[in-house]
Amino acid sequence: MSKNIEKKIAFEKQLLGEMIALYCRKKHKHLEGLCESCQGLQAYAYERTERCPFMETKTFCSNCKVHCYQVEKREEIRKVMRFSGPRMLLVHPLLVFRHVYESKKENRRR
């Protein structure tokens, strides 16, 4: 695996982890670590990210034409992202700016 792909995977996992942690803190009132449900979602999302066959050509799952998440997990991660996305600007602004930059770069390639 190339270093570029490893960096993309690491960034996507970092972003997912931060979004899930924020969601768990605010919605489930879990102050230390993640609740059991969020741990399961994070493990699932990390596994899907690691196994993504399109990682070389895509930036984020939202830009992918093939959705490899199970329907219920996809709905869970959407809830997390809808809630955490706007709040991430206050909590982790650099991650947000990098995400926007990478998304714009991906759109220009198309």
C-alpha atoms as a PDB file:
ATOM      1  CA  MET A   1       0.000   0.000   0.000  1.00  0.00           C
ATOM      2  CA  SER A   2       1.417   3.411  -0.918  1.00  0.00           C
ATOM      3  CA  LYS A   3       2.123   6.094   1.666  1.00  0.00           C
ATOM      4  CA  ASN A   4      -0.467   8.340   0.011  1.00  0.00           C
ATOM      5  CA  ILE A   5      -3.220   5.795   0.535  1.00  0.00           C
ATOM      6  CA  GLU A   6      -2.069   5.125   4.098  1.00  0.00           C
ATOM      7  CA  LYS A   7      -2.275   8.869   4.816  1.00  0.00           C
ATOM      8  CA  LYS A   8      -5.780   9.054   3.336  1.00  0.00           C
ATOM      9  CA  ILE A   9      -6.924   6.097   5.429  1.00  0.00           C
ATOM     10  CA  ALA A  10      -5.385   7.583   8.582  1.00  0.00           C
ATOM     11  CA  PHE A  11      -7.029  10.963   7.969  1.00  0.00           C
ATOM     12  CA  GLU A  12     -10.422   9.452   7.219  1.00  0.00           C
ATOM     13  CA  LYS A  13     -10.235   7.302  10.360  1.00  0.00           C
ATOM     14  CA  GLN A  14      -9.179  10.309  12.449  1.00  0.00           C
ATOM     15  CA  LEU A  15     -12.090  12.359  11.127  1.00  0.00           C
ATOM     16  CA  LEU A  16     -14.563   9.519  11.691  1.00  0.00           C
ATOM     17  CA  GLY A  17     -13.250   8.954  15.205  1.00  0.00           C
ATOM     18  CA  GLU A  18     -13.564  12.608  16.158  1.00  0.00           C
ATOM     19  CA  MET A  19     -17.083  12.862  14.740  1.00  0.00           C
ATOM     20  CA  ILE A  20     -18.263   9.722  16.517  1.00  0.00           C
ATOM     21  CA  ALA A  21     -16.651  10.853  19.794  1.00  0.00           C
ATOM     22  CA  LEU A  22     -18.374  14.250  19.567  1.00  0.00           C
ATOM     23  CA  TYR A  23     -21.718  12.601  18.832  1.00  0.00           C
ATOM     24  CA  CYS A  24     -21.314  10.177  21.739  1.00  0.00           C
ATOM     25  CA  ARG A  25     -20.360  12.952  24.182  1.00  0.00           C
ATOM     26  CA  LYS A  26     -23.300  15.156  23.243  1.00  0.00           C
ATOM     27  CA  LYS A  27     -26.061  12.652  22.459  1.00  0.00           C
ATOM     28  CA  HIS A  28     -25.244   9.773  24.800  1.00  0.00           C
ATOM     29  CA  LYS A  29     -23.649  11.918  27.527  1.00  0.00           C
ATOM     30  CA  HIS A  30     -20.634   9.597  27.547  1.00  0.00           C
ATOM     31  CA  LEU A  31     -17.765  11.738  28.832  1.00  0.00           C
ATOM     32  CA  GLU A  32     -14.929   9.191  28.854  1.00  0.00           C
ATOM     33  CA  GLY A  33     -14.368   7.184  25.684  1.00  0.00           C
ATOM     34  CA  LEU A  34     -17.289   5.845  23.668  1.00  0.00           C
ATOM     35  CA  CYS A  35     -20.436   3.998  24.658  1.00  0.00           C
ATOM     36  CA  GLU A  36     -20.856   0.426  23.427  1.00  0.00           C
ATOM     37  CA  SER A  37     -23.035   1.409  20.483  1.00  0.00           C
ATOM     38  CA  CYS A  38     -20.604   4.086  19.280  1.00  0.00           C
ATOM     39  CA  GLN A  39     -17.626   1.753  19.758  1.00  0.00           C
ATOM     40  CA  GLY A  40     -19.330  -0.745  17.464  1.00  0.00           C
ATOM     41  CA  LEU A  41     -20.068   1.909  14.856  1.00  0.00           C
ATOM     42  CA  GLN A  42     -16.491   3.196  14.997  1.00  0.00           C
ATOM     43  CA  ALA A  43     -15.030  -0.305  14.637  1.00  0.00           C
ATOM     44  CA  TYR A  44     -17.333  -0.959  11.679  1.00  0.00           C
ATOM     45  CA  ALA A  45     -16.457   2.348  10.000  1.00  0.00           C
ATOM     46  CA  TYR A  46     -12.719   1.784  10.521  1.00  0.00           C
ATOM     47  CA  GLU A  47     -12.960  -1.708   9.036  1.00  0.00           C
ATOM     48  CA  ARG A  48     -14.805  -0.391   5.984  1.00  0.00           C
ATOM     49  CA  THR A  49     -12.233   2.354   5.549  1.00  0.00           C
ATOM     50  CA  GLU A  50      -9.345  -0.125   5.778  1.00  0.00           C
ATOM     51  CA  ARG A  51     -10.925  -2.452   3.200  1.00  0.00           C
ATOM     52  CA  CYS A  52     -12.007   0.207   0.718  1.00  0.00           C
ATOM     53  CA  PRO A  53     -11.004  -0.888  -2.796  1.00  0.00           C
ATOM     54  CA  PHE A  54     -11.450   2.665  -4.147  1.00  0.00           C
ATOM     55  CA  MET A  55      -9.301   4.516  -1.607  1.00  0.00           C
ATOM     56  CA  GLU A  56      -6.747   5.395  -4.273  1.00  0.00           C
ATOM     57  CA  THR A  57      -9.274   7.300  -6.375  1.00  0.00           C
ATOM     58  CA  LYS A  58     -11.715   8.737  -3.837  1.00  0.00           C
ATOM     59  CA  THR A  59     -11.411  11.004  -0.857  1.00  0.00           C
ATOM     60  CA  PHE A  60     -14.428  10.228   1.346  1.00  0.00           C
ATOM     61  CA  CYS A  61     -17.238   7.681   1.408  1.00  0.00           C
ATOM     62  CA  SER A  62     -19.731  10.423   0.611  1.00  0.00           C
ATOM     63  CA  ASN A  63     -17.979  10.834  -2.769  1.00  0.00           C
ATOM     64  CA  CYS A  64     -18.094   7.129  -3.581  1.00  0.00           C
ATOM     65  CA  LYS A  65     -20.562   5.599  -6.012  1.00  0.00           C
ATOM     66  CA  VAL A  66     -20.493   2.212  -4.253  1.00  0.00           C
ATOM     67  CA  HIS A  67     -21.800   2.127  -0.684  1.00  0.00           C
ATOM     68  CA  CYS A  68     -20.269  -0.754   1.233  1.00  0.00           C
ATOM     69  CA  TYR A  69     -21.970   0.030   4.560  1.00  0.00           C
ATOM     70  CA  GLN A  70     -24.931  -2.089   5.655  1.00  0.00           C
ATOM     71  CA  VAL A  71     -28.161  -0.099   5.422  1.00  0.00           C
ATOM     72  CA  GLU A  72     -28.613   0.331   9.191  1.00  0.00           C
ATOM     73  CA  LYS A  73     -24.942   1.260   9.716  1.00  0.00           C
ATOM     74  CA  ARG A  74     -25.134   3.769   6.859  1.00  0.00           C
ATOM     75  CA  GLU A  75     -28.128   5.385   8.545  1.00  0.00           C
ATOM     76  CA  GLU A  76     -26.286   5.499  11.880  1.00  0.00           C
ATOM     77  CA  ILE A  77     -23.194   7.119  10.372  1.00  0.00           C
ATOM     78  CA  ARG A  78     -25.382   9.641   8.531  1.00  0.00           C
ATOM     79  CA  LYS A  79     -26.971  10.647  11.844  1.00  0.00           C
ATOM     80  CA  VAL A  80     -23.538  11.047  13.385  1.00  0.00           C
ATOM     81  CA  MET A  81     -22.277  13.142  10.478  1.00  0.00           C
ATOM     82  CA  ARG A  82     -25.367  15.344  10.324  1.00  0.00           C
ATOM     83  CA  PHE A  83     -25.037  16.082  14.018  1.00  0.00           C
ATOM     84  CA  SER A  84     -21.251  16.341  14.285  1.00  0.00           C
ATOM     85  CA  GLY A  85     -20.433  17.960  10.953  1.00  0.00           C
ATOM     86  CA  PRO A  86     -21.481  21.529  11.803  1.00  0.00           C
ATOM     87  CA  ARG A  87     -20.131  21.245  15.363  1.00  0.00           C
ATOM     88  CA  MET A  88     -16.721  20.043  14.198  1.00  0.00           C
ATOM     89  CA  LEU A  89     -15.933  23.575  13.039  1.00  0.00           C
ATOM     90  CA  LEU A  90     -15.885  24.672  16.682  1.00  0.00           C
ATOM     91  CA  VAL A  91     -14.140  21.590  18.058  1.00  0.00           C
ATOM     92  CA  HIS A  92     -11.633  20.667  15.309  1.00  0.00           C
ATOM     93  CA  PRO A  93     -11.504  23.489  12.740  1.00  0.00           C
ATOM     94  CA  LEU A  94      -8.309  22.244  11.058  1.00  0.00           C
ATOM     95  CA  LEU A  95      -9.864  18.843  10.355  1.00  0.00           C
ATOM     96  CA  VAL A  96     -12.898  20.567   8.854  1.00  0.00           C
ATOM     97  CA  PHE A  97     -10.819  22.795   6.601  1.00  0.00           C
ATOM     98  CA  ARG A  98      -8.751  19.848   5.446  1.00  0.00           C
ATOM     99  CA  HIS A  99     -11.923  17.849   4.753  1.00  0.00           C
ATOM    100  CA  VAL A 100     -13.374  20.706   2.688  1.00  0.00           C
ATOM    101  CA  TYR A 101     -10.080  21.129   0.815  1.00  0.00           C
ATOM    102  CA  GLU A 102      -9.862  17.406   0.008  1.00  0.00           C
ATOM    103  CA  SER A 103     -13.514  17.337  -1.105  1.00  0.00           C
ATOM    104  CA  LYS A 104     -13.026  20.333  -3.418  1.00  0.00           C
ATOM    105  CA  LYS A 105      -9.882  18.753  -4.839  1.00  0.00           C
ATOM    106  CA  GLU A 106     -11.827  15.547  -5.519  1.00  0.00           C
ATOM    107  CA  ASN A 107     -14.616  17.481  -7.266  1.00  0.00           C
ATOM    108  CA  ARG A 108     -12.107  19.224  -9.542  1.00  0.00           C
ATOM    109  CA  ARG A 109     -10.714  15.854 -10.675  1.00  0.00           C
ATOM    110  CA  ARG A 110     -14.113  14.759 -11.961  1.00  0.00           C
END
